[in-house]
PDB file of N, CA and C in Angstrom:
ATOM      1  N   PRO A   1       6.316  -8.765  -4.347  1.00  0.00           N
ATOM      2  CA  PRO A   1       5.386  -8.038  -3.507  1.00  0.00           C
ATOM      3  C   PRO A   1       5.463  -7.803  -2.061  1.00  0.00           C
ATOM      4  N   ARG A   2       5.192  -6.694  -1.561  1.00  0.00           N
ATOM      5  CA  ARG A   2       5.502  -6.464  -0.030  1.00  0.00           C
ATOM      6  C   ARG A   2       4.605  -7.442   0.889  1.00  0.00           C
ATOM      7  N   ASP A   3       3.316  -7.777   0.495  1.00  0.00           N
ATOM      8  CA  ASP A   3       2.482  -8.619   1.316  1.00  0.00           C
ATOM      9  C   ASP A   3       2.791 -10.174   1.020  1.00  0.00           C
ATOM     10  N   GLU A   4       3.547 -10.485   0.242  1.00  0.00           N
ATOM     11  CA  GLU A   4       3.745 -12.028  -0.189  1.00  0.00           C
ATOM     12  C   GLU A   4       4.925 -12.514   0.624  1.00  0.00           C
ATOM     13  N   PRO A   5       4.583 -13.645   1.283  1.00  0.00           N
ATOM     14  CA  PRO A   5       5.669 -14.441   1.920  1.00  0.00           C
ATOM     15  C   PRO A   5       6.646 -14.871   0.968  1.00  0.00           C
ATOM     16  N   PRO A   6       7.984 -14.830   1.477  1.00  0.00           N
ATOM     17  CA  PRO A   6       9.110 -15.155   0.435  1.00  0.00           C
ATOM     18  C   PRO A   6       8.948 -16.852   0.261  1.00  0.00           C
ATOM     19  N   ASN A   7       9.210 -17.206  -0.918  1.00  0.00           N
ATOM     20  CA  ASN A   7       9.169 -18.679  -1.431  1.00  0.00           C
ATOM     21  C   ASN A   7      10.506 -19.078  -1.059  1.00  0.00           C
ATOM     22  N   GLN A   8      10.534 -20.472  -0.857  1.00  0.00           N
ATOM     23  CA  GLN A   8      11.831 -21.198  -0.576  1.00  0.00           C
ATOM     24  C   GLN A   8      12.320 -21.630  -1.907  1.00  0.00           C
ATOM     25  N   GLY A   9      13.570 -21.470  -2.012  1.00  0.00           N
ATOM     26  CA  GLY A   9      14.197 -21.989  -3.220  1.00  0.00           C
ATOM     27  C   GLY A   9      14.323 -23.611  -3.446  1.00  0.00           C
ATOM     28  N   SER A  10      14.902 -24.019  -4.436  1.00  0.00           N
ATOM     29  CA  SER A  10      15.170 -25.568  -4.759  1.00  0.00           C
ATOM     30  C   SER A  10      15.965 -26.069  -3.824  1.00  0.00           C
ATOM     31  N   ASP A  11      16.936 -25.144  -3.244  1.00  0.00           N
ATOM     32  CA  ASP A  11      17.821 -25.726  -2.087  1.00  0.00           C
ATOM     33  C   ASP A  11      17.305 -25.705  -0.753  1.00  0.00           C
ATOM     34  N   GLY A  12      16.127 -25.182  -0.714  1.00  0.00           N
ATOM     35  CA  GLY A  12      15.391 -25.110   0.653  1.00  0.00           C
ATOM     36  C   GLY A  12      15.637 -24.028   1.526  1.00  0.00           C
ATOM     37  N   GLY A  13      16.734 -23.076   1.153  1.00  0.00           N
ATOM     38  CA  GLY A  13      17.163 -22.094   2.138  1.00  0.00           C
ATOM     39  C   GLY A  13      17.064 -20.701   1.283  1.00  0.00           C
ATOM     40  N   THR A  14      17.422 -20.553   0.198  1.00  0.00           N
ATOM     41  CA  THR A  14      17.179 -19.192  -0.439  1.00  0.00           C
ATOM     42  C   THR A  14      15.967 -18.852  -1.051  1.00  0.00           C
ATOM     43  N   PRO A  15      15.307 -17.806  -0.930  1.00  0.00           N
ATOM     44  CA  PRO A  15      14.070 -17.297  -1.467  1.00  0.00           C
ATOM     45  C   PRO A  15      14.110 -17.307  -2.960  1.00  0.00           C
ATOM     46  N   SER A  16      13.359 -17.933  -3.718  1.00  0.00           N
ATOM     47  CA  SER A  16      13.464 -17.910  -5.146  1.00  0.00           C
ATOM     48  C   SER A  16      12.574 -16.679  -5.743  1.00  0.00           C
ATOM     49  N   ASN A  17      12.978 -16.410  -6.897  1.00  0.00           N
ATOM     50  CA  ASN A  17      12.096 -15.241  -7.589  1.00  0.00           C
ATOM     51  C   ASN A  17      11.083 -15.659  -8.654  1.00  0.00           C
ATOM     52  N   ARG A  18       9.973 -15.796  -8.248  1.00  0.00           N
ATOM     53  CA  ARG A  18       8.913 -16.381  -9.000  1.00  0.00           C
ATOM     54  C   ARG A  18       8.399 -15.207 -10.217  1.00  0.00           C
ATOM     55  N   TRP A  19       8.894 -14.154 -10.075  1.00  0.00           N
ATOM     56  CA  TRP A  19       8.539 -12.951 -11.012  1.00  0.00           C
ATOM     57  C   TRP A  19       9.752 -12.950 -12.121  1.00  0.00           C
ATOM     58  N   VAL A  20       9.888 -13.997 -12.683  1.00  0.00           N
ATOM     59  CA  VAL A  20      11.100 -14.040 -13.763  1.00  0.00           C
ATOM     60  C   VAL A  20      10.520 -13.243 -14.902  1.00  0.00           C
ATOM     61  N   ASP A  21       9.453 -13.397 -15.405  1.00  0.00           N
ATOM     62  CA  ASP A  21       8.847 -12.632 -16.488  1.00  0.00           C
ATOM     63  C   ASP A  21       7.805 -11.387 -15.931  1.00  0.00           C
ATOM     64  N   PHE A  22       8.239 -10.331 -15.694  1.00  0.00           N
ATOM     65  CA  PHE A  22       7.463  -9.313 -15.042  1.00  0.00           C
ATOM     66  C   PHE A  22       7.142  -8.147 -16.188  1.00  0.00           C
ATOM     67  N   HIS A  23       7.580  -8.309 -17.495  1.00  0.00           N
ATOM     68  CA  HIS A  23       7.090  -7.438 -18.308  1.00  0.00           C
ATOM     69  C   HIS A  23       5.656  -6.962 -18.459  1.00  0.00           C
ATOM     70  N   GLY A  24       5.444  -5.618 -18.322  1.00  0.00           N
ATOM     71  CA  GLY A  24       3.946  -5.190 -18.460  1.00  0.00           C
ATOM     72  C   GLY A  24       3.337  -5.152 -17.127  1.00  0.00           C
ATOM     73  N   GLU A  25       4.078  -5.462 -16.196  1.00  0.00           N
ATOM     74  CA  GLU A  25       3.552  -5.411 -14.774  1.00  0.00           C
ATOM     75  C   GLU A  25       3.853  -4.115 -14.025  1.00  0.00           C
ATOM     76  N   GLN A  26       2.856  -3.430 -13.437  1.00  0.00           N
ATOM     77  CA  GLN A  26       3.237  -2.254 -12.879  1.00  0.00           C
ATOM     78  C   GLN A  26       3.827  -2.622 -11.430  1.00  0.00           C
ATOM     79  N   ARG A  27       5.110  -1.928 -11.271  1.00  0.00           N
ATOM     80  CA  ARG A  27       5.682  -1.970  -9.907  1.00  0.00           C
ATOM     81  C   ARG A  27       5.899  -0.729  -9.212  1.00  0.00           C
ATOM     82  N   SER A  28       5.866  -0.478  -7.921  1.00  0.00           N
ATOM     83  CA  SER A  28       6.196   0.863  -7.371  1.00  0.00           C
ATOM     84  C   SER A  28       6.787   0.477  -6.034  1.00  0.00           C
ATOM     85  N   ASN A  29       7.159   1.493  -5.399  1.00  0.00           N
ATOM     86  CA  ASN A  29       7.924   1.477  -4.013  1.00  0.00           C
ATOM     87  C   ASN A  29       6.596   1.031  -3.017  1.00  0.00           C
ATOM     88  N   ALA A  30       5.490   1.481  -3.286  1.00  0.00           N
ATOM     89  CA  ALA A  30       4.299   1.210  -2.371  1.00  0.00           C
ATOM     90  C   ALA A  30       3.921  -0.253  -2.446  1.00  0.00           C
ATOM     91  N   THR A  31       4.309  -0.802  -3.481  1.00  0.00           N
ATOM     92  CA  THR A  31       3.588  -2.261  -3.739  1.00  0.00           C
ATOM     93  C   THR A  31       4.740  -3.342  -3.651  1.00  0.00           C
ATOM     94  N   HIS A  32       5.924  -2.912  -4.012  1.00  0.00           N
ATOM     95  CA  HIS A  32       7.048  -4.003  -3.897  1.00  0.00           C
ATOM     96  C   HIS A  32       8.244  -3.432  -3.288  1.00  0.00           C
ATOM     97  N   GLN A  33       8.964  -4.541  -2.650  1.00  0.00           N
ATOM     98  CA  GLN A  33      10.208  -4.243  -1.694  1.00  0.00           C
ATOM     99  C   GLN A  33      11.074  -5.325  -2.058  1.00  0.00           C
ATOM    100  N   SER A  34      12.457  -4.894  -2.018  1.00  0.00           N
ATOM    101  CA  SER A  34      13.511  -6.015  -2.009  1.00  0.00           C
ATOM    102  C   SER A  34      13.597  -6.796  -0.832  1.00  0.00           C
ATOM    103  N   ARG A  35      13.750  -8.083  -1.039  1.00  0.00           N
ATOM    104  CA  ARG A  35      13.794  -9.006   0.124  1.00  0.00           C
ATOM    105  C   ARG A  35      15.319  -8.933   0.750  1.00  0.00           C
ATOM    106  N   THR A  36      16.222  -8.534  -0.193  1.00  0.00           N
ATOM    107  CA  THR A  36      17.618  -8.571   0.464  1.00  0.00           C
ATOM    108  C   THR A  36      18.138  -7.297   1.022  1.00  0.00           C
ATOM    109  N   ASP A  37      17.553  -6.097   0.551  1.00  0.00           N
ATOM    110  CA  ASP A  37      17.749  -4.879   0.896  1.00  0.00           C
ATOM    111  C   ASP A  37      16.557  -3.960   0.847  1.00  0.00           C
ATOM    112  N   PRO A  38      15.674  -3.899   1.977  1.00  0.00           N
ATOM    113  CA  PRO A  38      14.353  -3.188   1.907  1.00  0.00           C
ATOM    114  C   PRO A  38      14.716  -1.871   2.056  1.00  0.00           C
ATOM    115  N   GLU A  39      15.802  -1.145   2.161  1.00  0.00           N
ATOM    116  CA  GLU A  39      15.812   0.223   2.164  1.00  0.00           C
ATOM    117  C   GLU A  39      16.048   0.702   0.636  1.00  0.00           C
ATOM    118  N   ALA A  40      16.570  -0.168  -0.236  1.00  0.00           N
ATOM    119  CA  ALA A  40      16.636   0.104  -1.694  1.00  0.00           C
ATOM    120  C   ALA A  40      15.203   0.483  -2.231  1.00  0.00           C
ATOM    121  N   LEU A  41      15.178   1.574  -3.072  1.00  0.00           N
ATOM    122  CA  LEU A  41      14.056   1.818  -3.784  1.00  0.00           C
ATOM    123  C   LEU A  41      14.020   1.901  -5.247  1.00  0.00           C
ATOM    124  N   LEU A  42      12.895   1.705  -5.935  1.00  0.00           N
ATOM    125  CA  LEU A  42      12.865   1.655  -7.256  1.00  0.00           C
ATOM    126  C   LEU A  42      13.166   3.160  -7.874  1.00  0.00           C
ATOM    127  N   ALA A  43      14.091   3.166  -8.897  1.00  0.00           N
ATOM    128  CA  ALA A  43      14.347   4.653  -9.412  1.00  0.00           C
ATOM    129  C   ALA A  43      14.589   4.325 -10.945  1.00  0.00           C
ATOM    130  N   LYS A  44      14.351   5.380 -11.799  1.00  0.00           N
ATOM    131  CA  LYS A  44      14.571   5.426 -13.152  1.00  0.00           C
ATOM    132  C   LYS A  44      15.632   6.565 -13.253  1.00  0.00           C
ATOM    133  N   LYS A  45      16.609   6.257 -14.259  1.00  0.00           N
ATOM    134  CA  LYS A  45      17.655   7.068 -14.549  1.00  0.00           C
ATOM    135  C   LYS A  45      17.176   8.282 -15.565  1.00  0.00           C
ATOM    136  N   GLY A  46      15.877   7.844 -16.203  1.00  0.00           N
ATOM    137  CA  GLY A  46      15.320   8.818 -17.328  1.00  0.00           C
ATOM    138  C   GLY A  46      14.092   8.581 -17.733  1.00  0.00           C
ATOM    139  N   PRO A  47      13.367   9.394 -18.558  1.00  0.00           N
ATOM    140  CA  PRO A  47      12.121   8.771 -19.088  1.00  0.00           C
ATOM    141  C   PRO A  47      12.246   7.760 -20.147  1.00  0.00           C
ATOM    142  N   GLY A  48      11.284   6.786 -19.931  1.00  0.00           N
ATOM    143  CA  GLY A  48      11.513   5.655 -20.767  1.00  0.00           C
ATOM    144  C   GLY A  48      12.416   4.555 -20.242  1.00  0.00           C
ATOM    145  N   LYS A  49      13.261   4.567 -19.350  1.00  0.00           N
ATOM    146  CA  LYS A  49      14.144   3.785 -18.880  1.00  0.00           C
ATOM    147  C   LYS A  49      13.642   2.986 -17.902  1.00  0.00           C
ATOM    148  N   GLU A  50      13.900   1.859 -17.688  1.00  0.00           N
ATOM    149  CA  GLU A  50      13.426   0.686 -16.651  1.00  0.00           C
ATOM    150  C   GLU A  50      13.735   1.230 -15.199  1.00  0.00           C
ATOM    151  N   ALA A  51      12.953   0.978 -14.235  1.00  0.00           N
ATOM    152  CA  ALA A  51      13.082   1.018 -12.859  1.00  0.00           C
ATOM    153  C   ALA A  51      13.885  -0.013 -12.355  1.00  0.00           C
ATOM    154  N   ARG A  52      14.894   0.336 -11.476  1.00  0.00           N
ATOM    155  CA  ARG A  52      15.796  -0.643 -10.765  1.00  0.00           C
ATOM    156  C   ARG A  52      16.015  -0.203  -9.360  1.00  0.00           C
ATOM    157  N   LEU A  53      16.170  -1.222  -8.538  1.00  0.00           N
ATOM    158  CA  LEU A  53      16.416  -0.974  -7.132  1.00  0.00           C
ATOM    159  C   LEU A  53      17.779  -0.156  -6.920  1.00  0.00           C
ATOM    160  N   ALA A  54      17.771   0.977  -6.269  1.00  0.00           N
ATOM    161  CA  ALA A  54      18.985   1.738  -6.287  1.00  0.00           C
ATOM    162  C   ALA A  54      18.945   2.614  -5.122  1.00  0.00           C
ATOM    163  N   TYR A  55      20.170   3.213  -5.069  1.00  0.00           N
ATOM    164  CA  TYR A  55      20.452   4.426  -4.159  1.00  0.00           C
ATOM    165  C   TYR A  55      20.823   5.484  -4.951  1.00  0.00           C
ATOM    166  N   ALA A  56      20.924   6.654  -4.211  1.00  0.00           N
ATOM    167  CA  ALA A  56      21.398   8.023  -4.921  1.00  0.00           C
ATOM    168  C   ALA A  56      22.789   8.361  -4.359  1.00  0.00           C
ATOM    169  N   ALA A  57      23.760   8.655  -5.032  1.00  0.00           N
ATOM    170  CA  ALA A  57      25.094   9.044  -4.651  1.00  0.00           C
ATOM    171  C   ALA A  57      25.082  10.584  -5.038  1.00  0.00           C
ATOM    172  N   HIS A  58      25.567  11.472  -4.132  1.00  0.00           N
ATOM    173  CA  HIS A  58      25.595  12.860  -4.281  1.00  0.00           C
ATOM    174  C   HIS A  58      27.236  13.231  -4.072  1.00  0.00           C
ATOM    175  N   ALA A  59      27.893  13.873  -4.939  1.00  0.00           N
ATOM    176  CA  ALA A  59      29.169  14.148  -4.886  1.00  0.00           C
ATOM    177  C   ALA A  59      29.224  15.754  -5.156  1.00  0.00           C
ATOM    178  N   LEU A  60      30.113  16.296  -4.251  1.00  0.00           N
ATOM    179  CA  LEU A  60      30.321  17.687  -4.285  1.00  0.00           C
ATOM    180  C   LEU A  60      31.704  17.752  -4.818  1.00  0.00           C
ATOM    181  N   MET A  61      32.015  18.458  -5.980  1.00  0.00           N
ATOM    182  CA  MET A  61      33.279  18.444  -6.669  1.00  0.00           C
ATOM    183  C   MET A  61      33.802  19.907  -6.669  1.00  0.00           C
ATOM    184  N   GLU A  62      34.958  19.904  -6.585  1.00  0.00           N
ATOM    185  CA  GLU A  62      35.860  21.274  -6.844  1.00  0.00           C
ATOM    186  C   GLU A  62      36.212  21.355  -8.392  1.00  0.00           C
ATOM    187  N   ASN A  63      35.459  22.331  -8.931  1.00  0.00           N
ATOM    188  CA  ASN A  63      35.577  22.512 -10.537  1.00  0.00           C
ATOM    189  C   ASN A  63      36.940  22.506 -11.022  1.00  0.00           C
ATOM    190  N   HIS A  64      37.775  23.362 -10.311  1.00  0.00           N
ATOM    191  CA  HIS A  64      39.183  23.808 -11.078  1.00  0.00           C
ATOM    192  C   HIS A  64      39.985  22.476 -11.198  1.00  0.00           C
ATOM    193  N   ASN A  65      40.163  21.690 -10.234  1.00  0.00           N
ATOM    194  CA  ASN A  65      40.934  20.436 -10.370  1.00  0.00           C
ATOM    195  C   ASN A  65      40.117  19.157 -10.211  1.00  0.00           C
ATOM    196  N   GLY A  66      38.900  19.128 -10.230  1.00  0.00           N
ATOM    197  CA  GLY A  66      38.112  17.866 -10.258  1.00  0.00           C
ATOM    198  C   GLY A  66      38.176  17.170  -8.986  1.00  0.00           C
ATOM    199  N   LEU A  67      38.578  17.742  -7.836  1.00  0.00           N
ATOM    200  CA  LEU A  67      38.604  17.001  -6.525  1.00  0.00           C
ATOM    201  C   LEU A  67      37.313  16.753  -6.046  1.00  0.00           C
ATOM    202  N   LEU A  68      37.070  15.672  -5.363  1.00  0.00           N
ATOM    203  CA  LEU A  68      35.853  15.401  -4.563  1.00  0.00           C
ATOM    204  C   LEU A  68      36.049  16.038  -3.249  1.00  0.00           C
ATOM    205  N   VAL A  69      35.072  16.856  -2.967  1.00  0.00           N
ATOM    206  CA  VAL A  69      34.894  17.556  -1.601  1.00  0.00           C
ATOM    207  C   VAL A  69      34.150  17.052  -0.523  1.00  0.00           C
ATOM    208  N   GLY A  70      32.951  16.340  -1.198  1.00  0.00           N
ATOM    209  CA  GLY A  70      31.918  15.804  -0.322  1.00  0.00           C
ATOM    210  C   GLY A  70      31.271  14.532  -0.938  1.00  0.00           C
ATOM    211  N   LEU A  71      30.832  13.641  -0.133  1.00  0.00           N
ATOM    212  CA  LEU A  71      30.056  12.585  -0.854  1.00  0.00           C
ATOM    213  C   LEU A  71      28.977  12.070   0.190  1.00  0.00           C
ATOM    214  N   GLN A  72      27.840  11.647  -0.339  1.00  0.00           N
ATOM    215  CA  GLN A  72      26.699  11.111   0.420  1.00  0.00           C
ATOM    216  C   GLN A  72      25.875  10.209  -0.386  1.00  0.00           C
ATOM    217  N   VAL A  73      25.541   9.106   0.322  1.00  0.00           N
ATOM    218  CA  VAL A  73      24.705   8.262  -0.284  1.00  0.00           C
ATOM    219  C   VAL A  73      23.298   8.258   0.398  1.00  0.00           C
ATOM    220  N   THR A  74      22.084   8.324  -0.308  1.00  0.00           N
ATOM    221  CA  THR A  74      20.923   8.363   0.131  1.00  0.00           C
ATOM    222  C   THR A  74      19.946   7.251  -0.533  1.00  0.00           C
ATOM    223  N   GLN A  75      18.712   7.268   0.043  1.00  0.00           N
ATOM    224  CA  GLN A  75      17.705   6.480  -0.740  1.00  0.00           C
ATOM    225  C   GLN A  75      17.276   7.381  -1.957  1.00  0.00           C
ATOM    226  N   ALA A  76      17.156   6.558  -3.085  1.00  0.00           N
ATOM    227  CA  ALA A  76      16.725   7.239  -4.253  1.00  0.00           C
ATOM    228  C   ALA A  76      15.113   7.722  -4.316  1.00  0.00           C
ATOM    229  N   THR A  77      14.970   8.726  -3.651  1.00  0.00           N
ATOM    230  CA  THR A  77      13.586   9.235  -3.568  1.00  0.00           C
ATOM    231  C   THR A  77      13.148  10.112  -4.745  1.00  0.00           C
ATOM    232  N   GLY A  78      14.016  10.660  -5.469  1.00  0.00           N
ATOM    233  CA  GLY A  78      13.759  11.510  -6.542  1.00  0.00           C
ATOM    234  C   GLY A  78      13.884  13.003  -6.250  1.00  0.00           C
ATOM    235  N   THR A  79      13.864  13.280  -4.819  1.00  0.00           N
ATOM    236  CA  THR A  79      13.988  14.679  -4.588  1.00  0.00           C
ATOM    237  C   THR A  79      15.125  14.627  -3.542  1.00  0.00           C
ATOM    238  N   ALA A  80      15.941  13.627  -3.317  1.00  0.00           N
ATOM    239  CA  ALA A  80      17.031  13.638  -2.212  1.00  0.00           C
ATOM    240  C   ALA A  80      18.137  14.579  -2.499  1.00  0.00           C
ATOM    241  N   GLU A  81      18.438  14.865  -3.750  1.00  0.00           N
ATOM    242  CA  GLU A  81      19.554  15.855  -4.013  1.00  0.00           C
ATOM    243  C   GLU A  81      19.331  17.237  -3.682  1.00  0.00           C
ATOM    244  N   GLY A  82      18.026  17.711  -3.828  1.00  0.00           N
ATOM    245  CA  GLY A  82      17.765  19.162  -3.215  1.00  0.00           C
ATOM    246  C   GLY A  82      17.918  19.103  -1.786  1.00  0.00           C
ATOM    247  N   ASP A  83      17.660  18.081  -0.991  1.00  0.00           N
ATOM    248  CA  ASP A  83      17.802  18.017   0.560  1.00  0.00           C
ATOM    249  C   ASP A  83      19.466  17.883   0.865  1.00  0.00           C
ATOM    250  N   VAL A  84      20.220  17.129   0.122  1.00  0.00           N
ATOM    251  CA  VAL A  84      21.455  16.746   0.577  1.00  0.00           C
ATOM    252  C   VAL A  84      22.470  17.908   0.147  1.00  0.00           C
ATOM    253  N   VAL A  85      22.362  18.400  -1.088  1.00  0.00           N
ATOM    254  CA  VAL A  85      23.442  19.268  -1.477  1.00  0.00           C
ATOM    255  C   VAL A  85      23.672  20.361  -0.608  1.00  0.00           C
ATOM    256  N   PRO A  86      22.714  21.189  -0.031  1.00  0.00           N
ATOM    257  CA  PRO A  86      23.037  22.367   0.872  1.00  0.00           C
ATOM    258  C   PRO A  86      23.676  21.842   2.090  1.00  0.00           C
ATOM    259  N   ARG A  87      23.424  20.521   2.542  1.00  0.00           N
ATOM    260  CA  ARG A  87      24.087  19.919   3.641  1.00  0.00           C
ATOM    261  C   ARG A  87      25.605  19.683   3.379  1.00  0.00           C
ATOM    262  N   LEU A  88      25.731  19.294   2.086  1.00  0.00           N
ATOM    263  CA  LEU A  88      27.192  18.755   1.832  1.00  0.00           C
ATOM    264  C   LEU A  88      28.101  20.248   1.650  1.00  0.00           C
ATOM    265  N   ILE A  89      27.438  21.190   1.102  1.00  0.00           N
ATOM    266  CA  ILE A  89      28.201  22.555   1.007  1.00  0.00           C
ATOM    267  C   ILE A  89      28.402  23.165   2.449  1.00  0.00           C
ATOM    268  N   ASP A  90      27.367  23.043   3.433  1.00  0.00           N
ATOM    269  CA  ASP A  90      27.793  23.431   4.704  1.00  0.00           C
ATOM    270  C   ASP A  90      28.873  22.780   5.425  1.00  0.00           C
ATOM    271  N   GLU A  91      28.773  21.403   5.227  1.00  0.00           N
ATOM    272  CA  GLU A  91      29.957  20.610   5.779  1.00  0.00           C
ATOM    273  C   GLU A  91      31.122  20.827   5.261  1.00  0.00           C
ATOM    274  N   ALA A  92      31.151  21.228   3.764  1.00  0.00           N
ATOM    275  CA  ALA A  92      32.514  21.569   3.354  1.00  0.00           C
ATOM    276  C   ALA A  92      32.959  22.886   3.686  1.00  0.00           C
ATOM    277  N   ARG A  93      32.055  23.865   4.055  1.00  0.00           N
ATOM    278  CA  ARG A  93      32.457  25.217   4.508  1.00  0.00           C
ATOM    279  C   ARG A  93      33.053  25.267   6.005  1.00  0.00           C
ATOM    280  N   ASP A  94      32.492  24.250   6.793  1.00  0.00           N
ATOM    281  CA  ASP A  94      32.980  23.876   7.963  1.00  0.00           C
ATOM    282  C   ASP A  94      34.300  23.428   8.128  1.00  0.00           C
ATOM    283  N   ASP A  95      34.670  22.666   6.885  1.00  0.00           N
ATOM    284  CA  ASP A  95      36.203  22.163   6.691  1.00  0.00           C
ATOM    285  C   ASP A  95      37.010  23.081   6.229  1.00  0.00           C
ATOM    286  N   GLY A  96      36.638  24.303   5.761  1.00  0.00           N
ATOM    287  CA  GLY A  96      37.515  25.327   5.348  1.00  0.00           C
ATOM    288  C   GLY A  96      37.443  25.585   3.720  1.00  0.00           C
ATOM    289  N   PHE A  97      36.582  24.640   3.027  1.00  0.00           N
ATOM    290  CA  PHE A  97      36.222  24.942   1.569  1.00  0.00           C
ATOM    291  C   PHE A  97      35.388  26.188   1.465  1.00  0.00           C
ATOM    292  N   ARG A  98      35.823  27.123   0.719  1.00  0.00           N
ATOM    293  CA  ARG A  98      35.142  28.407   0.402  1.00  0.00           C
ATOM    294  C   ARG A  98      34.830  28.540  -1.110  1.00  0.00           C
ATOM    295  N   PRO A  99      33.719  28.061  -1.547  1.00  0.00           N
ATOM    296  CA  PRO A  99      33.287  28.225  -2.864  1.00  0.00           C
ATOM    297  C   PRO A  99      32.973  29.611  -3.273  1.00  0.00           C
ATOM    298  N   GLN A 100      33.282  29.909  -4.332  1.00  0.00           N
ATOM    299  CA  GLN A 100      33.018  31.405  -4.974  1.00  0.00           C
ATOM    300  C   GLN A 100      31.867  31.209  -6.112  1.00  0.00           C
ATOM    301  N   THR A 101      31.705  30.106  -6.732  1.00  0.00           N
ATOM    302  CA  THR A 101      30.563  29.704  -7.636  1.00  0.00           C
ATOM    303  C   THR A 101      30.127  28.347  -7.363  1.00  0.00           C
ATOM    304  N   LEU A 102      28.829  27.963  -7.953  1.00  0.00           N
ATOM    305  CA  LEU A 102      28.332  26.660  -7.680  1.00  0.00           C
ATOM    306  C   LEU A 102      27.552  26.302  -8.991  1.00  0.00           C
ATOM    307  N   GLY A 103      27.779  25.127  -9.443  1.00  0.00           N
ATOM    308  CA  GLY A 103      27.333  24.607 -10.646  1.00  0.00           C
ATOM    309  C   GLY A 103      26.595  23.300 -10.358  1.00  0.00           C
ATOM    310  N   ALA A 104      25.632  23.019 -11.154  1.00  0.00           N
ATOM    311  CA  ALA A 104      24.705  21.924 -10.838  1.00  0.00           C
ATOM    312  C   ALA A 104      24.351  21.266 -12.169  1.00  0.00           C
ATOM    313  N   ASP A 105      24.129  19.940 -12.165  1.00  0.00           N
ATOM    314  CA  ASP A 105      23.709  19.329 -13.345  1.00  0.00           C
ATOM    315  C   ASP A 105      22.282  19.615 -13.726  1.00  0.00           C
ATOM    316  N   LYS A 106      21.836  19.149 -14.989  1.00  0.00           N
ATOM    317  CA  LYS A 106      20.535  19.511 -15.185  1.00  0.00           C
ATOM    318  C   LYS A 106      19.438  18.950 -14.565  1.00  0.00           C
ATOM    319  N   GLY A 107      19.716  17.778 -13.840  1.00  0.00           N
ATOM    320  CA  GLY A 107      18.808  17.090 -13.018  1.00  0.00           C
ATOM    321  C   GLY A 107      18.602  17.644 -11.513  1.00  0.00           C
ATOM    322  N   TYR A 108      19.341  18.724 -11.319  1.00  0.00           N
ATOM    323  CA  TYR A 108      19.291  19.231  -9.940  1.00  0.00           C
ATOM    324  C   TYR A 108      18.007  20.065  -9.814  1.00  0.00           C
ATOM    325  N   LEU A 109      17.277  19.743  -8.464  1.00  0.00           N
ATOM    326  CA  LEU A 109      15.983  20.575  -8.212  1.00  0.00           C
ATOM    327  C   LEU A 109      16.254  21.856  -7.887  1.00  0.00           C
TER     328      LEU A 109
END
């Protein structure tokens, strides 16, 4: 939890994880935070899946040959892709990439 001080582990240095059995407990980014990586956010990959501390990676690919044209890693906010993709396309255009079509996965907002 965000407002709880870290516990000391049995070796006296590393914080311990007292939340070993957390099934049924509601957790959210507002109430919980990683002690080792505070910028990581809880995210789900799909309905009914467990939430994990994660980041989102956004890849701009060239369809014909499958080449990576642009890549950016952001916080997993759930809406980051809609903000990042236009920027990735603009940066690729500045580098001389001239897309004629654009495809997106079903999760694109």
